[in-house]
């Protein structure tokens, strides 16, 4: 049986207009991205909603808990752009 949060994330990944809230490598806040998680290898620079270049985080080893799981603070510029777009979003930990 699937867990609700995993189901929601999986359904969100199928849409084209979803914002994924990630914690980029070496960051302490979540940034919004529109690239689907897993599209780029870890460490690849991508552009967040705020226009800042961030790096795709490295995956958590199987069975581990992502370090980013406890980080809830969002980049204010990303959050403003997300609100402007009015699209769905999901938190995504690697």
C-alpha atoms as a PDB file:
ATOM      1  CA  UNK A   1       0.000   0.000   0.000  1.00  0.00           C
ATOM      2  CA  UNK A   2       1.296   3.464  -0.896  1.00  0.00           C
ATOM      3  CA  UNK A   3       1.694   6.179   1.652  1.00  0.00           C
ATOM      4  CA  UNK A   4      -0.433   9.289   0.933  1.00  0.00           C
ATOM      5  CA  UNK A   5       2.549  11.675   0.690  1.00  0.00           C
ATOM      6  CA  UNK A   6       4.324   9.373  -1.769  1.00  0.00           C
ATOM      7  CA  UNK A   7       1.111   9.049  -3.811  1.00  0.00           C
ATOM      8  CA  UNK A   8       0.689  12.827  -3.927  1.00  0.00           C
ATOM      9  CA  UNK A   9       4.308  13.325  -4.950  1.00  0.00           C
ATOM     10  CA  UNK A  10       4.007  10.656  -7.644  1.00  0.00           C
ATOM     11  CA  UNK A  11       0.850  12.246  -9.041  1.00  0.00           C
ATOM     12  CA  UNK A  12       2.439  15.699  -8.935  1.00  0.00           C
ATOM     13  CA  UNK A  13       5.439  14.406 -10.886  1.00  0.00           C
ATOM     14  CA  UNK A  14       3.118  13.555 -13.793  1.00  0.00           C
ATOM     15  CA  UNK A  15       1.931  17.158 -14.208  1.00  0.00           C
ATOM     16  CA  UNK A  16       3.810  19.770 -16.210  1.00  0.00           C
ATOM     17  CA  UNK A  17       3.001  22.810 -14.042  1.00  0.00           C
ATOM     18  CA  UNK A  18       4.133  21.584 -10.611  1.00  0.00           C
ATOM     19  CA  UNK A  19       6.631  23.389  -8.404  1.00  0.00           C
ATOM     20  CA  UNK A  20       8.913  21.031  -6.480  1.00  0.00           C
ATOM     21  CA  UNK A  21      10.265  22.396  -3.188  1.00  0.00           C
ATOM     22  CA  UNK A  22      13.781  21.031  -2.761  1.00  0.00           C
ATOM     23  CA  UNK A  23      16.731  21.795  -0.522  1.00  0.00           C
ATOM     24  CA  UNK A  24      19.626  22.332  -2.923  1.00  0.00           C
ATOM     25  CA  UNK A  25      23.095  21.107  -2.091  1.00  0.00           C
ATOM     26  CA  UNK A  26      24.665  23.272   0.649  1.00  0.00           C
ATOM     27  CA  UNK A  27      21.404  25.167   1.315  1.00  0.00           C
ATOM     28  CA  UNK A  28      19.358  25.621   4.502  1.00  0.00           C
ATOM     29  CA  UNK A  29      16.131  26.766   2.757  1.00  0.00           C
ATOM     30  CA  UNK A  30      13.837  25.206   0.198  1.00  0.00           C
ATOM     31  CA  UNK A  31      13.806  26.575  -3.321  1.00  0.00           C
ATOM     32  CA  UNK A  32      11.061  26.023  -5.866  1.00  0.00           C
ATOM     33  CA  UNK A  33      11.982  24.372  -9.154  1.00  0.00           C
ATOM     34  CA  UNK A  34       9.933  23.278 -12.145  1.00  0.00           C
ATOM     35  CA  UNK A  35      12.355  20.606 -13.381  1.00  0.00           C
ATOM     36  CA  UNK A  36      11.079  17.193 -12.389  1.00  0.00           C
ATOM     37  CA  UNK A  37      13.159  15.541  -9.638  1.00  0.00           C
ATOM     38  CA  UNK A  38      15.558  13.032 -11.097  1.00  0.00           C
ATOM     39  CA  UNK A  39      15.758  14.798 -14.453  1.00  0.00           C
ATOM     40  CA  UNK A  40      19.316  15.968 -13.781  1.00  0.00           C
ATOM     41  CA  UNK A  41      22.183  14.241 -11.975  1.00  0.00           C
ATOM     42  CA  UNK A  42      23.086  15.368  -8.460  1.00  0.00           C
ATOM     43  CA  UNK A  43      25.211  18.491  -8.420  1.00  0.00           C
ATOM     44  CA  UNK A  44      23.845  19.840 -11.711  1.00  0.00           C
ATOM     45  CA  UNK A  45      23.142  23.594 -11.602  1.00  0.00           C
ATOM     46  CA  UNK A  46      19.510  24.505 -12.357  1.00  0.00           C
ATOM     47  CA  UNK A  47      17.519  27.729 -12.081  1.00  0.00           C
ATOM     48  CA  UNK A  48      15.051  28.085  -9.216  1.00  0.00           C
ATOM     49  CA  UNK A  49      11.864  30.164  -9.411  1.00  0.00           C
ATOM     50  CA  UNK A  50      13.712  33.078  -7.819  1.00  0.00           C
ATOM     51  CA  UNK A  51      16.226  33.105 -10.685  1.00  0.00           C
ATOM     52  CA  UNK A  52      19.054  31.858  -8.483  1.00  0.00           C
ATOM     53  CA  UNK A  53      21.205  29.016  -9.761  1.00  0.00           C
ATOM     54  CA  UNK A  54      21.030  26.097  -7.319  1.00  0.00           C
ATOM     55  CA  UNK A  55      22.528  22.608  -7.449  1.00  0.00           C
ATOM     56  CA  UNK A  56      20.460  19.438  -7.570  1.00  0.00           C
ATOM     57  CA  UNK A  57      20.820  17.694  -4.200  1.00  0.00           C
ATOM     58  CA  UNK A  58      22.522  14.353  -3.752  1.00  0.00           C
ATOM     59  CA  UNK A  59      20.271  11.362  -3.043  1.00  0.00           C
ATOM     60  CA  UNK A  60      19.931   9.856   0.403  1.00  0.00           C
ATOM     61  CA  UNK A  61      21.274   6.304   0.620  1.00  0.00           C
ATOM     62  CA  UNK A  62      18.532   3.676   0.495  1.00  0.00           C
ATOM     63  CA  UNK A  63      16.907   3.211   3.873  1.00  0.00           C
ATOM     64  CA  UNK A  64      18.163   6.545   5.213  1.00  0.00           C
ATOM     65  CA  UNK A  65      16.217   9.668   6.164  1.00  0.00           C
ATOM     66  CA  UNK A  66      16.907  12.718   4.000  1.00  0.00           C
ATOM     67  CA  UNK A  67      18.705  15.442   5.956  1.00  0.00           C
ATOM     68  CA  UNK A  68      16.467  17.994   4.265  1.00  0.00           C
ATOM     69  CA  UNK A  69      13.279  16.489   5.691  1.00  0.00           C
ATOM     70  CA  UNK A  70      13.253  18.848   8.687  1.00  0.00           C
ATOM     71  CA  UNK A  71      13.857  22.007   6.615  1.00  0.00           C
ATOM     72  CA  UNK A  72      10.602  23.886   6.072  1.00  0.00           C
ATOM     73  CA  UNK A  73      11.770  27.456   5.420  1.00  0.00           C
ATOM     74  CA  UNK A  74      11.151  28.525   1.828  1.00  0.00           C
ATOM     75  CA  UNK A  75      13.047  31.078  -0.235  1.00  0.00           C
ATOM     76  CA  UNK A  76      10.787  34.145  -0.144  1.00  0.00           C
ATOM     77  CA  UNK A  77      11.434  35.045  -3.794  1.00  0.00           C
ATOM     78  CA  UNK A  78      10.559  31.484  -4.885  1.00  0.00           C
ATOM     79  CA  UNK A  79       7.427  31.559  -2.709  1.00  0.00           C
ATOM     80  CA  UNK A  80       6.350  34.880  -4.262  1.00  0.00           C
ATOM     81  CA  UNK A  81       6.784  33.492  -7.789  1.00  0.00           C
ATOM     82  CA  UNK A  82       4.960  30.298  -6.803  1.00  0.00           C
ATOM     83  CA  UNK A  83       2.012  32.367  -5.494  1.00  0.00           C
ATOM     84  CA  UNK A  84       1.982  34.434  -8.690  1.00  0.00           C
ATOM     85  CA  UNK A  85       1.780  31.289 -10.840  1.00  0.00           C
ATOM     86  CA  UNK A  86      -0.983  29.706  -8.776  1.00  0.00           C
ATOM     87  CA  UNK A  87       0.148  26.187  -9.649  1.00  0.00           C
ATOM     88  CA  UNK A  88       0.284  23.063  -7.448  1.00  0.00           C
ATOM     89  CA  UNK A  89       3.404  22.173  -5.495  1.00  0.00           C
ATOM     90  CA  UNK A  90       4.948  19.370  -3.509  1.00  0.00           C
ATOM     91  CA  UNK A  91       7.849  19.027  -1.113  1.00  0.00           C
ATOM     92  CA  UNK A  92      10.508  16.716  -2.523  1.00  0.00           C
ATOM     93  CA  UNK A  93      13.361  15.278  -0.476  1.00  0.00           C
ATOM     94  CA  UNK A  94      16.127  13.305  -2.124  1.00  0.00           C
END
